[in-house]
């Protein structure tokens, strides 16, 4: 047995006694009809071909009864034979051959690899509604990374960032994805064996729509609502499930969005309907129950989706509060079981849907949002748990979520590493468990040592306080009132964090997407220490850092993202500049 440093790693790799691989360039000479790999995978296999002027090696492809995406690869000398039962199996075998050769100085040993995925659907969700909307080239870079990580499903979480015709007032400042861009991305994904699935939240999280006068009459709570944790929010949040105009609006959206993509799946969201039972729905909920009102609306949305011949996905959190109603869900629907903490009860929640015969996926997260560099150890435990219980309970897929709450401040190296890690667990949990943390950061920044990035990604562990879905250093930057937080964060912890950051700074690459979170974390510590001690030196240090952070923030944003959302994202940073002026 030997280890192949692919991410995700193959299930089984065996060294063979045959000749070492004599070439780094390969030519596919025969492949059964229907198994031909898409061109990008052949290009990735031969990405070092310009270094090899010898004749190419010969690749033979044979049909075999293997799971979708599974393959068996034998390579020795200048010959390679791969067996697969699907186009994806052939494509993934080519990636493994590339990765095997990349980890060795030429020549690489002969090998046999046998591999197949744990989940038939291995997806990623990117949040493009919370401020950051990547440019078209950046979205294609993401898609290339996902395809090479054996991801075959992708969603862009959408609230107001698709350019719906007739609704320009909502998205005109957001630089949204246009229908033509969606079609272009759909083709780009299909060429890389990724199903790009439409996503449009269709109940809650619609404040960008409902705060506009034209749509205010459709709000469930137009004057605001109280969250389950007791916070009053003075803006509308959800559609009124009883107003016929709500479904009319959805019908218009679906008519425009769904034809842009070839996928027959559609994620309608419908999560976190915090204001249900308040405002316009209060009397109906008091009479019939919140669960019944929610389900009645969900079934109407399902009927609308079915008119377009699509299979509906929806977030399962609300219906899980009313498990007695789950058996009333139609069989032609998929519940998305989500949760983002290490101890999330995936097993219990999956069984509610499994026992009712309702298809479901598991949906863990990268834990990068509401942070500066993520909460790596929590993300790994959360994704591992979802993969373990999802497979055991019969989940049809796994969807790794990358959200952008409160400004979308996380930068690419930390998001990309967490998504690669999630892809590895989606492919094979046991093999992913054997990968060190550094493997997921390797190569994201050329020639960079991944260890300092791992340490930054676990900076949240420098503090004893644990806040769900949040890192302390992020709170120390964005929160205006730190009174309660600084009861739990001690001056000694902040001083220790500064010492750790000073040490790490000597080893990190010169990259704005690493320097920005470093400087933000240093600022967070100095701000906390200033509020605790009142010492002028801490305020001066915070002020100096802010002068460096401002251009770094803009530079990091402009590297990969459209201008829409930038002003809203940096509002907290603008408040800090005013605070220290």
Protein backbone atom coordinates (compact mmCIF):
# COMPACT_ATOMS: atom_id res chain seq x y z
CA UNK A 1 0.00 0.00 0.00
CA UNK A 2 1.10 3.55 -0.70
CA UNK A 3 -0.34 7.03 -0.36
CA UNK A 4 -1.39 9.23 -3.26
CA UNK A 5 -1.47 12.87 -2.28
CA UNK A 6 -4.61 13.65 -4.25
CA UNK A 7 -7.24 15.77 -2.55
CA UNK A 8 -9.53 13.92 -2.15
CA UNK A 9 -7.27 10.87 -1.83
CA UNK A 10 -8.08 7.58 -3.59
CA UNK A 11 -9.62 4.76 -1.62
CA UNK A 12 -6.86 2.24 -2.42
CA UNK A 13 -3.42 2.77 -3.97
CA UNK A 14 -0.96 -0.11 -4.52
CA UNK A 15 2.61 0.08 -5.83
CA UNK A 16 3.28 -2.35 -8.68
CA UNK A 17 6.56 -4.11 -9.48
CA UNK A 18 6.43 -2.96 -13.11
CA UNK A 19 8.42 -0.20 -14.78
CA UNK A 20 8.21 3.32 -13.37
CA UNK A 21 6.15 5.77 -15.39
CA UNK A 22 8.39 6.85 -18.23
CA UNK A 23 6.31 9.77 -19.49
CA UNK A 24 4.47 12.79 -18.15
CA UNK A 25 2.37 13.28 -21.29
CA UNK A 26 -0.48 10.95 -22.21
CA UNK A 27 -2.68 10.28 -25.21
CA UNK A 28 -6.07 8.58 -24.94
CA UNK A 29 -6.07 6.17 -27.87
CA UNK A 30 -9.34 4.33 -27.34
CA UNK A 31 -12.44 4.85 -25.24
CA UNK A 32 -15.90 3.28 -25.54
CA UNK A 33 -18.74 5.49 -26.71
CA UNK A 34 -20.25 7.44 -23.84
CA UNK A 35 -17.13 7.26 -21.67
CA UNK A 36 -15.03 9.92 -23.41
CA UNK A 37 -13.74 12.37 -20.76
CA UNK A 38 -14.38 16.07 -21.27
CA UNK A 39 -11.47 18.06 -22.70
CA UNK A 40 -10.60 19.94 -19.47
CA UNK A 41 -9.70 16.68 -17.71
CA UNK A 42 -7.31 15.67 -20.50
CA UNK A 43 -5.79 19.17 -20.35
CA UNK A 44 -5.31 18.89 -16.57
CA UNK A 45 -3.67 15.49 -17.03
CA UNK A 46 -1.17 16.94 -19.48
CA UNK A 47 -0.62 20.30 -17.79
CA UNK A 48 3.13 19.56 -17.60
CA UNK A 49 3.33 18.28 -21.17
CA UNK A 50 5.46 21.23 -22.31
CA UNK A 51 8.26 19.87 -20.11
CA UNK A 52 8.26 16.46 -21.80
CA UNK A 53 9.41 16.22 -25.42
CA UNK A 54 9.25 12.42 -25.53
CA UNK A 55 6.47 10.56 -27.27
CA UNK A 56 3.31 10.49 -25.16
CA UNK A 57 2.28 7.47 -23.15
CA UNK A 58 -0.74 5.47 -24.23
CA UNK A 59 -4.02 5.48 -22.28
CA UNK A 60 -6.57 2.73 -22.85
CA UNK A 61 -10.09 2.98 -21.47
CA UNK A 62 -12.29 -0.05 -20.92
CA UNK A 63 -15.92 -0.23 -19.85
CA UNK A 64 -16.57 -1.86 -16.47
CA UNK A 65 -19.45 -2.33 -14.06
CA UNK A 66 -18.37 0.23 -11.47
CA UNK A 67 -20.28 2.85 -9.44
CA UNK A 68 -20.88 6.28 -10.97
CA UNK A 69 -17.56 8.10 -10.69
CA UNK A 70 -15.69 4.94 -9.73
CA UNK A 71 -12.63 3.68 -11.59
CA UNK A 72 -9.70 1.27 -11.58
CA UNK A 73 -6.40 2.59 -12.93
CA UNK A 74 -3.19 0.67 -13.72
CA UNK A 75 -0.14 2.56 -14.96
CA UNK A 76 3.36 1.26 -15.73
CA UNK A 77 6.09 2.42 -18.10
CA UNK A 78 4.39 4.26 -20.95
CA UNK A 79 1.07 2.41 -20.71
CA UNK A 80 -1.99 3.09 -18.59
CA UNK A 81 -5.28 1.19 -18.53
CA UNK A 82 -8.36 2.50 -16.80
CA UNK A 83 -11.67 0.79 -16.21
CA UNK A 84 -14.82 2.82 -15.56
CA UNK A 85 -18.55 2.64 -15.94
CA UNK A 86 -19.13 6.36 -16.51
CA UNK A 87 -17.58 9.41 -18.08
CA UNK A 88 -16.96 10.76 -14.58
CA UNK A 89 -15.00 7.64 -13.64
CA UNK A 90 -12.67 8.14 -16.61
CA UNK A 91 -12.25 11.83 -15.81
CA UNK A 92 -11.44 11.22 -12.16
CA UNK A 93 -8.93 8.50 -13.08
CA UNK A 94 -7.09 11.05 -15.23
CA UNK A 95 -6.91 13.44 -12.27
CA UNK A 96 -5.49 10.70 -10.08
CA UNK A 97 -2.82 9.87 -12.66
CA UNK A 98 -1.87 13.55 -12.82
CA UNK A 99 -1.71 13.89 -9.03
CA UNK A 100 0.36 10.71 -8.72
CA UNK A 101 2.98 12.01 -11.14
CA UNK A 102 2.95 15.49 -9.63
CA UNK A 103 4.01 14.22 -6.22
CA UNK A 104 7.16 12.57 -7.59
CA UNK A 105 10.24 13.74 -9.36
CA UNK A 106 10.06 12.05 -12.74
CA UNK A 107 9.62 9.07 -12.95
CA UNK A 108 6.77 8.04 -10.64
CA UNK A 109 6.37 4.40 -9.53
CA UNK A 110 3.96 2.08 -11.32
CA UNK A 111 0.66 1.84 -9.53
CA UNK A 112 -2.82 0.39 -9.23
CA UNK A 113 -5.64 2.62 -7.93
CA UNK A 114 -9.19 1.56 -7.09
CA UNK A 115 -11.60 4.30 -6.11
CA UNK A 116 -15.26 5.28 -5.92
CA UNK A 117 -17.27 7.94 -4.05
CA UNK A 118 -19.27 7.66 -0.84
CA UNK A 119 -22.02 9.95 -2.17
CA UNK A 120 -23.43 10.07 -5.71
CA UNK A 121 -24.07 13.82 -5.39
CA UNK A 122 -21.20 15.88 -3.99
CA UNK A 123 -22.12 19.52 -3.99
CA UNK A 124 -20.95 22.98 -3.02
CA UNK A 125 -23.07 26.04 -2.33
CA UNK A 126 -21.49 29.49 -2.75
CA UNK A 127 -23.29 32.46 -1.20
CA UNK A 128 -23.47 35.23 -3.81
CA UNK A 129 -26.11 37.27 -1.99
CA UNK A 130 -24.25 38.42 1.08
CA UNK A 131 -22.16 41.14 -0.54
CA UNK A 132 -19.51 39.21 -2.48
CA UNK A 133 -20.51 38.34 -6.03
CA UNK A 134 -17.45 36.90 -7.79
CA UNK A 135 -16.51 38.06 -11.25
CA UNK A 136 -17.17 35.67 -14.11
CA UNK A 137 -13.48 34.66 -14.38
CA UNK A 138 -13.40 34.02 -10.62
CA UNK A 139 -16.49 31.84 -10.77
CA UNK A 140 -14.78 29.80 -13.48
CA UNK A 141 -11.70 29.46 -11.28
CA UNK A 142 -13.94 28.14 -8.50
CA UNK A 143 -15.55 25.68 -10.91
CA UNK A 144 -12.15 24.40 -12.05
CA UNK A 145 -11.11 23.86 -8.42
CA UNK A 146 -14.37 22.05 -7.66
CA UNK A 147 -14.15 19.80 -10.72
CA UNK A 148 -10.61 18.79 -9.79
CA UNK A 149 -11.90 18.01 -6.29
CA UNK A 150 -14.48 15.57 -7.77
CA UNK A 151 -17.42 17.87 -7.03
CA UNK A 152 -20.38 17.27 -9.37
CA UNK A 153 -23.05 19.70 -8.11
CA UNK A 154 -22.98 23.47 -7.56
CA UNK A 155 -25.42 26.12 -6.38
CA UNK A 156 -25.16 29.90 -6.08
CA UNK A 157 -27.24 30.97 -3.09
CA UNK A 158 -29.49 33.76 -4.36
CA UNK A 159 -31.74 36.30 -2.69
CA UNK A 160 -31.54 39.41 -4.91
CA UNK A 161 -28.46 38.86 -7.09
CA UNK A 162 -29.96 37.45 -10.28
CA UNK A 163 -30.91 40.05 -12.90
CA UNK A 164 -34.66 39.43 -13.09
CA UNK A 165 -36.26 41.38 -15.91
CA UNK A 166 -38.81 43.88 -14.62
CA UNK A 167 -37.27 43.99 -11.14
CA UNK A 168 -34.28 46.19 -11.86
CA UNK A 169 -34.85 48.36 -8.79
CA UNK A 170 -33.86 45.41 -6.58
CA UNK A 171 -30.58 44.44 -8.20
CA UNK A 172 -29.41 47.51 -10.12
CA UNK A 173 -26.66 48.31 -7.58
CA UNK A 174 -25.73 44.70 -6.87
CA UNK A 175 -23.87 43.84 -10.11
CA UNK A 176 -25.81 40.55 -10.27
CA UNK A 177 -25.42 37.47 -12.42
CA UNK A 178 -27.28 37.93 -15.70
CA UNK A 179 -29.20 35.24 -17.59
CA UNK A 180 -26.47 35.14 -20.24
CA UNK A 181 -23.80 34.67 -17.57
CA UNK A 182 -25.79 31.86 -16.00
CA UNK A 183 -26.04 30.10 -19.35
CA UNK A 184 -22.31 30.53 -19.92
CA UNK A 185 -21.53 29.16 -16.46
CA UNK A 186 -23.92 26.28 -17.02
CA UNK A 187 -22.00 25.23 -20.13
CA UNK A 188 -18.69 25.70 -18.33
CA UNK A 189 -19.90 23.48 -15.49
CA UNK A 190 -21.30 20.80 -17.80
CA UNK A 191 -17.92 20.57 -19.57
CA UNK A 192 -16.46 19.74 -16.15
CA UNK A 193 -19.15 17.24 -15.12
CA UNK A 194 -20.78 19.64 -12.66
CA UNK A 195 -24.53 20.16 -12.48
CA UNK A 196 -25.19 23.87 -11.89
CA UNK A 197 -28.52 23.93 -10.06
CA UNK A 198 -30.70 27.03 -9.72
CA UNK A 199 -31.16 28.47 -6.24
CA UNK A 200 -33.59 31.21 -5.16
CA UNK A 201 -34.79 31.69 -1.61
CA UNK A 202 -38.56 31.77 -1.80
CA UNK A 203 -39.88 32.57 1.70
CA UNK A 204 -37.51 34.18 4.21
CA UNK A 205 -34.26 36.14 3.76
CA UNK A 206 -35.96 38.49 1.29
CA UNK A 207 -35.43 41.80 3.05
CA UNK A 208 -33.73 43.30 -0.02
CA UNK A 209 -37.01 42.81 -1.89
CA UNK A 210 -39.54 43.55 0.83
CA UNK A 211 -38.02 46.79 2.06
CA UNK A 212 -38.67 48.25 -1.38
CA UNK A 213 -42.06 50.07 -1.60
CA UNK A 214 -43.14 48.12 -4.68
CA UNK A 215 -42.97 44.81 -2.79
CA UNK A 216 -43.77 45.94 0.77
CA UNK A 217 -47.38 44.72 0.51
CA UNK A 218 -46.03 41.15 0.19
CA UNK A 219 -44.13 41.27 3.49
CA UNK A 220 -45.31 39.07 6.32
CA UNK A 221 -44.10 41.59 8.92
CA UNK A 222 -43.59 44.90 7.10
CA UNK A 223 -42.84 46.84 10.30
CA UNK A 224 -40.27 44.38 11.62
CA UNK A 225 -40.21 41.25 13.76
CA UNK A 226 -38.64 39.70 16.84
CA UNK A 227 -36.12 36.91 16.32
CA UNK A 228 -36.33 33.63 18.28
CA UNK A 229 -33.47 34.91 20.47
CA UNK A 230 -35.36 38.09 21.38
CA UNK A 231 -33.81 40.70 19.09
CA UNK A 232 -36.19 43.11 17.37
CA UNK A 233 -35.31 43.80 13.75
CA UNK A 234 -37.11 46.76 12.20
CA UNK A 235 -37.15 45.46 8.62
CA UNK A 236 -39.35 42.94 6.80
CA UNK A 237 -37.88 39.48 6.29
CA UNK A 238 -40.30 36.89 4.84
CA UNK A 239 -42.99 36.81 2.21
CA UNK A 240 -46.56 36.67 3.48
CA UNK A 241 -47.45 32.99 2.93
CA UNK A 242 -51.18 33.87 2.76
CA UNK A 243 -50.96 36.58 0.10
CA UNK A 244 -51.57 35.28 -3.45
CA UNK A 245 -49.14 37.90 -4.73
CA UNK A 246 -46.28 36.02 -3.06
CA UNK A 247 -46.76 33.04 -5.36
CA UNK A 248 -47.21 35.36 -8.33
CA UNK A 249 -43.78 36.85 -7.60
CA UNK A 250 -42.24 33.38 -7.32
CA UNK A 251 -43.85 32.35 -10.60
CA UNK A 252 -42.20 35.31 -12.32
CA UNK A 253 -38.81 34.48 -10.81
CA UNK A 254 -39.00 30.80 -11.74
CA UNK A 255 -40.13 31.58 -15.29
CA UNK A 256 -36.96 33.63 -15.78
CA UNK A 257 -34.37 31.72 -13.75
CA UNK A 258 -35.06 28.05 -14.43
CA UNK A 259 -34.65 28.10 -18.23
CA UNK A 260 -31.10 29.47 -17.92
CA UNK A 261 -29.79 26.14 -16.56
CA UNK A 262 -30.14 22.56 -17.79
CA UNK A 263 -30.46 21.10 -14.28
CA UNK A 264 -33.86 19.74 -13.32
CA UNK A 265 -33.24 20.32 -9.63
CA UNK A 266 -34.13 23.60 -7.91
CA UNK A 267 -33.35 24.77 -4.37
CA UNK A 268 -36.17 27.05 -3.17
CA UNK A 269 -34.65 27.68 0.27
CA UNK A 270 -37.53 28.42 2.69
CA UNK A 271 -35.26 28.32 5.75
CA UNK A 272 -35.20 30.42 8.92
CA UNK A 273 -38.67 31.94 8.59
CA UNK A 274 -38.13 33.82 11.85
CA UNK A 275 -41.15 36.10 11.49
CA UNK A 276 -43.69 33.37 10.74
CA UNK A 277 -46.44 33.68 13.35
CA UNK A 278 -45.99 37.43 13.58
CA UNK A 279 -47.48 40.13 11.38
CA UNK A 280 -49.88 38.99 8.65
CA UNK A 281 -49.53 35.29 9.49
CA UNK A 282 -50.17 35.65 13.23
CA UNK A 283 -53.86 34.78 13.28
CA UNK A 284 -53.50 31.86 10.87
CA UNK A 285 -50.63 30.44 12.91
CA UNK A 286 -52.56 30.83 16.15
CA UNK A 287 -55.49 29.01 14.58
CA UNK A 288 -53.77 26.23 12.64
CA UNK A 289 -50.22 26.23 14.02
CA UNK A 290 -47.01 27.59 12.53
CA UNK A 291 -46.03 24.19 11.17
CA UNK A 292 -49.27 23.83 9.23
CA UNK A 293 -49.07 27.33 7.77
CA UNK A 294 -45.46 26.68 6.75
CA UNK A 295 -46.26 23.31 5.16
CA UNK A 296 -49.27 24.66 3.26
CA UNK A 297 -47.08 27.33 1.72
CA UNK A 298 -44.26 24.88 1.00
CA UNK A 299 -46.67 22.60 -0.86
CA UNK A 300 -47.85 25.53 -2.99
CA UNK A 301 -44.22 26.30 -3.84
CA UNK A 302 -43.72 22.64 -4.69
CA UNK A 303 -46.69 22.72 -7.06
CA UNK A 304 -45.22 25.77 -8.76
CA UNK A 305 -41.83 24.09 -9.15
CA UNK A 306 -43.49 20.94 -10.51
CA UNK A 307 -45.13 23.00 -13.26
CA UNK A 308 -41.61 23.59 -14.58
CA UNK A 309 -40.80 19.85 -14.40
CA UNK A 310 -38.17 20.43 -11.70
CA UNK A 311 -37.38 18.46 -8.55
CA UNK A 312 -37.58 20.72 -5.50
CA UNK A 313 -34.90 20.96 -2.81
CA UNK A 314 -35.64 22.88 0.38
CA UNK A 315 -33.93 23.56 3.70
CA UNK A 316 -35.35 21.21 6.31
CA UNK A 317 -34.88 23.26 9.48
CA UNK A 318 -38.44 24.59 9.85
CA UNK A 319 -40.27 21.34 9.15
CA UNK A 320 -37.96 19.60 11.64
CA UNK A 321 -39.60 21.72 14.35
CA UNK A 322 -42.84 19.95 13.39
CA UNK A 323 -41.74 16.35 12.74
CA UNK A 324 -45.34 15.11 12.82
CA UNK A 325 -45.86 16.92 9.50
CA UNK A 326 -42.87 15.39 7.68
CA UNK A 327 -44.89 12.37 6.42
CA UNK A 328 -47.13 14.82 4.55
CA UNK A 329 -44.25 15.95 2.34
CA UNK A 330 -44.46 14.66 -1.24
CA UNK A 331 -42.06 11.93 -2.29
CA UNK A 332 -40.84 14.10 -5.18
CA UNK A 333 -38.95 16.50 -2.91
CA UNK A 334 -35.55 16.54 -1.20
CA UNK A 335 -35.01 17.94 2.29
CA UNK A 336 -31.66 19.57 3.02
CA UNK A 337 -30.54 18.75 6.56
CA UNK A 338 -28.19 21.53 7.59
CA UNK A 339 -26.17 22.47 10.65
CA UNK A 340 -22.75 24.00 11.18
CA UNK A 341 -21.47 23.09 14.63
CA UNK A 342 -19.32 20.06 15.43
CA UNK A 343 -22.09 18.55 17.58
CA UNK A 344 -24.98 19.10 15.15
CA UNK A 345 -27.48 16.19 15.48
CA UNK A 346 -27.28 14.98 11.87
CA UNK A 347 -28.20 11.40 12.76
CA UNK A 348 -31.37 12.35 14.61
CA UNK A 349 -32.51 14.81 11.96
CA UNK A 350 -31.75 12.51 9.03
CA UNK A 351 -33.83 9.76 10.61
CA UNK A 352 -36.92 11.97 10.72
CA UNK A 353 -36.86 12.15 6.92
CA UNK A 354 -35.63 8.60 6.40
CA UNK A 355 -38.44 7.15 8.52
CA UNK A 356 -41.00 9.14 6.53
CA UNK A 357 -39.57 8.03 3.20
CA UNK A 358 -38.58 11.59 2.24
CA UNK A 359 -35.28 11.90 0.29
CA UNK A 360 -32.67 14.07 2.00
CA UNK A 361 -29.12 15.37 1.73
CA UNK A 362 -26.76 16.46 4.50
CA UNK A 363 -25.44 20.02 4.41
CA UNK A 364 -22.53 20.94 6.68
CA UNK A 365 -20.50 24.14 6.34
CA UNK A 366 -17.01 25.54 6.03
CA UNK A 367 -17.34 27.70 9.19
CA UNK A 368 -15.55 30.54 7.39
CA UNK A 369 -18.37 33.10 7.60
CA UNK A 370 -18.69 35.36 10.64
CA UNK A 371 -14.95 34.94 10.94
CA UNK A 372 -11.70 36.27 9.51
CA UNK A 373 -9.88 32.99 8.83
CA UNK A 374 -12.53 30.42 9.71
CA UNK A 375 -13.05 27.96 12.53
CA UNK A 376 -11.14 25.11 10.95
CA UNK A 377 -11.34 22.45 13.64
CA UNK A 378 -15.09 23.02 14.00
CA UNK A 379 -15.58 22.84 10.22
CA UNK A 380 -13.67 19.58 9.96
CA UNK A 381 -15.61 17.97 12.79
CA UNK A 382 -18.92 19.26 11.39
CA UNK A 383 -18.24 18.00 7.86
CA UNK A 384 -16.90 14.67 9.13
CA UNK A 385 -20.07 14.15 11.18
CA UNK A 386 -22.34 15.03 8.26
CA UNK A 387 -20.48 12.65 5.94
CA UNK A 388 -20.54 9.84 8.51
CA UNK A 389 -24.20 10.08 9.45
CA UNK A 390 -25.35 11.04 5.98
CA UNK A 391 -23.87 7.90 4.49
CA UNK A 392 -25.08 5.70 7.33
CA UNK A 393 -28.64 7.02 7.14
CA UNK A 394 -28.94 6.92 3.35
CA UNK A 395 -28.53 10.55 2.31
CA UNK A 396 -28.71 11.00 -1.44
CA UNK A 397 -26.05 13.67 -1.43
CA UNK A 398 -23.90 16.05 0.57
CA UNK A 399 -23.80 19.82 0.03
CA UNK A 400 -20.88 21.78 1.51
CA UNK A 401 -22.04 25.32 2.24
CA UNK A 402 -19.91 28.48 2.11
CA UNK A 403 -21.97 31.37 3.49
CA UNK A 404 -21.23 35.10 3.62
CA UNK A 405 -23.09 36.42 6.67
CA UNK A 406 -22.26 39.89 7.97
CA UNK A 407 -20.11 41.19 5.15
CA UNK A 408 -18.52 38.05 3.70
CA UNK A 409 -15.10 38.94 5.07
CA UNK A 410 -13.36 35.58 4.71
CA UNK A 411 -10.71 35.51 1.96
CA UNK A 412 -10.08 32.91 -0.71
CA UNK A 413 -7.25 30.82 0.79
CA UNK A 414 -9.32 29.96 3.86
CA UNK A 415 -12.54 29.36 1.93
CA UNK A 416 -10.82 27.28 -0.75
CA UNK A 417 -9.02 25.08 1.79
CA UNK A 418 -12.25 24.40 3.68
CA UNK A 419 -14.10 23.61 0.46
CA UNK A 420 -11.33 21.21 -0.64
CA UNK A 421 -11.60 19.54 2.74
CA UNK A 422 -15.36 19.27 2.35
CA UNK A 423 -14.95 17.78 -1.12
CA UNK A 424 -12.55 15.18 0.27
CA UNK A 425 -15.09 14.09 2.90
CA UNK A 426 -17.83 14.05 0.28
CA UNK A 427 -15.76 11.62 -1.77
CA UNK A 428 -14.45 9.31 0.96
CA UNK A 429 -14.68 10.11 4.65
CA UNK A 430 -12.20 7.48 5.82
CA UNK A 431 -9.53 8.57 3.36
CA UNK A 432 -10.16 12.24 4.13
CA UNK A 433 -9.64 11.54 7.82
CA UNK A 434 -6.09 10.46 6.99
CA UNK A 435 -5.26 13.78 5.33
CA UNK A 436 -3.40 16.29 7.51
CA UNK A 437 -4.85 19.78 7.67
CA UNK A 438 -1.92 21.12 5.69
CA UNK A 439 -2.90 19.03 2.63
CA UNK A 440 -5.99 21.14 2.04
CA UNK A 441 -4.03 24.42 2.02
CA UNK A 442 -1.13 23.10 -0.08
CA UNK A 443 -0.74 24.79 -3.44
CA UNK A 444 -3.45 27.41 -2.95
CA UNK A 445 -0.75 30.07 -2.67
CA UNK A 446 2.29 29.12 -4.80
CA UNK A 447 5.38 28.17 -2.78
CA UNK A 448 3.69 29.01 0.54
CA UNK A 449 4.19 26.88 3.64
CA UNK A 450 0.67 25.71 4.54
CA UNK A 451 1.36 25.37 8.28
CA UNK A 452 1.01 29.10 9.15
CA UNK A 453 -2.29 29.16 7.23
CA UNK A 454 -3.56 26.22 9.29
CA UNK A 455 -2.59 28.09 12.47
CA UNK A 456 -4.48 31.17 11.31
CA UNK A 457 -7.50 29.06 10.42
CA UNK A 458 -7.56 27.80 14.00
CA UNK A 459 -7.02 31.21 15.64
CA UNK A 460 -10.50 30.97 17.17
CA UNK A 461 -9.10 28.30 19.51
CA UNK A 462 -6.85 30.87 21.20
CA UNK A 463 -9.91 31.94 23.19
CA UNK A 464 -11.93 29.97 25.72
CA UNK A 465 -15.25 31.55 24.75
CA UNK A 466 -17.32 29.54 22.26
CA UNK A 467 -20.04 31.30 20.27
CA UNK A 468 -22.08 29.32 17.77
CA UNK A 469 -21.49 30.30 14.16
CA UNK A 470 -19.04 33.04 15.13
CA UNK A 471 -15.38 33.65 15.96
CA UNK A 472 -14.37 36.03 18.80
CA UNK A 473 -11.88 38.00 16.71
CA UNK A 474 -14.50 38.73 14.06
CA UNK A 475 -16.87 40.00 16.76
CA UNK A 476 -14.15 42.23 18.15
CA UNK A 477 -13.99 43.98 14.77
CA UNK A 478 -17.61 44.21 13.65
CA UNK A 479 -19.57 44.52 16.89
CA UNK A 480 -20.19 48.06 18.14
CA UNK A 481 -20.84 47.18 21.80
CA UNK A 482 -18.25 44.80 23.21
CA UNK A 483 -19.37 44.95 26.83
CA UNK A 484 -20.68 41.39 27.09
CA UNK A 485 -17.98 39.85 24.86
CA UNK A 486 -15.10 41.39 26.81
CA UNK A 487 -16.43 39.80 29.97
CA UNK A 488 -15.52 36.47 28.37
CA UNK A 489 -12.36 37.52 26.51
CA UNK A 490 -9.52 38.35 28.87
CA UNK A 491 -6.63 40.79 28.31
CA UNK A 492 -4.19 37.88 28.64
CA UNK A 493 -5.92 36.04 25.79
CA UNK A 494 -5.72 39.12 23.60
CA UNK A 495 -2.02 39.59 24.43
CA UNK A 496 -1.40 35.90 23.69
CA UNK A 497 -3.19 36.25 20.34
CA UNK A 498 -0.98 39.20 19.41
CA UNK A 499 2.12 37.17 20.24
CA UNK A 500 0.88 34.28 18.13
CA UNK A 501 0.14 36.59 15.22
CA UNK A 502 3.58 38.19 15.46
CA UNK A 503 5.19 34.76 15.21
CA UNK A 504 2.99 33.63 12.32
CA UNK A 505 3.61 36.89 10.44
CA UNK A 506 7.26 35.91 9.97
CA UNK A 507 6.23 32.87 7.96
CA UNK A 508 3.23 33.85 5.88
CA UNK A 509 3.43 34.64 2.16
CA UNK A 510 3.24 38.16 0.79
CA UNK A 511 -0.36 37.89 -0.30
CA UNK A 512 -3.10 40.48 0.35
CA UNK A 513 -5.67 37.76 1.04
CA UNK A 514 -3.54 36.54 3.94
CA UNK A 515 -2.28 39.91 5.14
CA UNK A 516 -5.81 41.36 5.32
CA UNK A 517 -7.18 38.87 7.87
CA UNK A 518 -3.87 39.03 9.78
CA UNK A 519 -4.17 42.80 10.14
CA UNK A 520 -7.86 42.57 11.02
CA UNK A 521 -7.06 40.08 13.79
CA UNK A 522 -4.32 42.33 15.13
CA UNK A 523 -6.72 45.26 15.07
CA UNK A 524 -9.34 43.18 16.91
CA UNK A 525 -6.87 42.49 19.71
CA UNK A 526 -5.77 46.12 20.05
CA UNK A 527 -9.36 47.36 20.00
CA UNK A 528 -10.32 44.92 22.75
CA UNK A 529 -7.28 45.84 24.84
CA UNK A 530 -7.97 49.56 24.41
CA UNK A 531 -11.58 49.20 25.57
CA UNK A 532 -10.43 47.11 28.54
CA UNK A 533 -7.49 49.31 29.58
CA UNK A 534 -8.04 52.73 28.01
CA UNK A 535 -4.33 52.88 27.16
CA UNK A 536 -3.47 55.34 24.42
CA UNK A 537 -0.84 53.01 22.94
CA UNK A 538 -3.53 50.43 22.13
CA UNK A 539 -5.67 53.06 20.39
CA UNK A 540 -2.67 54.26 18.36
CA UNK A 541 -1.88 50.69 17.32
CA UNK A 542 -5.50 50.14 16.28
CA UNK A 543 -5.55 53.41 14.33
CA UNK A 544 -2.33 52.58 12.50
CA UNK A 545 -3.63 49.14 11.54
CA UNK A 546 -6.85 50.64 10.18
CA UNK A 547 -4.84 52.82 7.82
CA UNK A 548 -3.24 49.66 6.40
CA UNK A 549 -6.46 47.63 6.43
CA UNK A 550 -8.53 50.03 4.34
CA UNK A 551 -6.53 49.68 1.06
CA UNK A 552 -5.94 45.96 1.73
CA UNK A 553 -9.68 45.40 2.04
CA UNK A 554 -10.31 47.13 -1.27
CA UNK A 555 -7.43 45.32 -3.00
CA UNK A 556 -8.56 41.93 -1.75
CA UNK A 557 -12.14 42.60 -2.83
CA UNK A 558 -11.23 43.79 -6.30
CA UNK A 559 -9.03 40.78 -6.98
CA UNK A 560 -12.03 38.51 -7.40
CA UNK A 561 -15.36 40.26 -6.85
CA UNK A 562 -17.77 42.67 -8.52
CA UNK A 563 -18.26 46.13 -7.00
CA UNK A 564 -21.85 45.50 -5.89
CA UNK A 565 -21.97 44.78 -2.17
CA UNK A 566 -18.62 46.37 -1.34
CA UNK A 567 -20.04 49.45 0.36
CA UNK A 568 -22.39 47.36 2.52
CA UNK A 569 -19.65 44.86 3.37
CA UNK A 570 -17.28 47.47 4.75
CA UNK A 571 -19.85 49.35 6.85
CA UNK A 572 -18.46 47.86 10.06
CA UNK A 573 -14.95 48.82 8.99
CA UNK A 574 -16.12 52.37 8.29
CA UNK A 575 -17.60 52.52 11.80
CA UNK A 576 -14.26 51.44 13.25
CA UNK A 577 -12.46 54.16 11.30
CA UNK A 578 -14.88 56.73 12.71
CA UNK A 579 -14.39 55.26 16.19
CA UNK A 580 -10.61 55.69 16.05
CA UNK A 581 -10.49 59.03 14.20
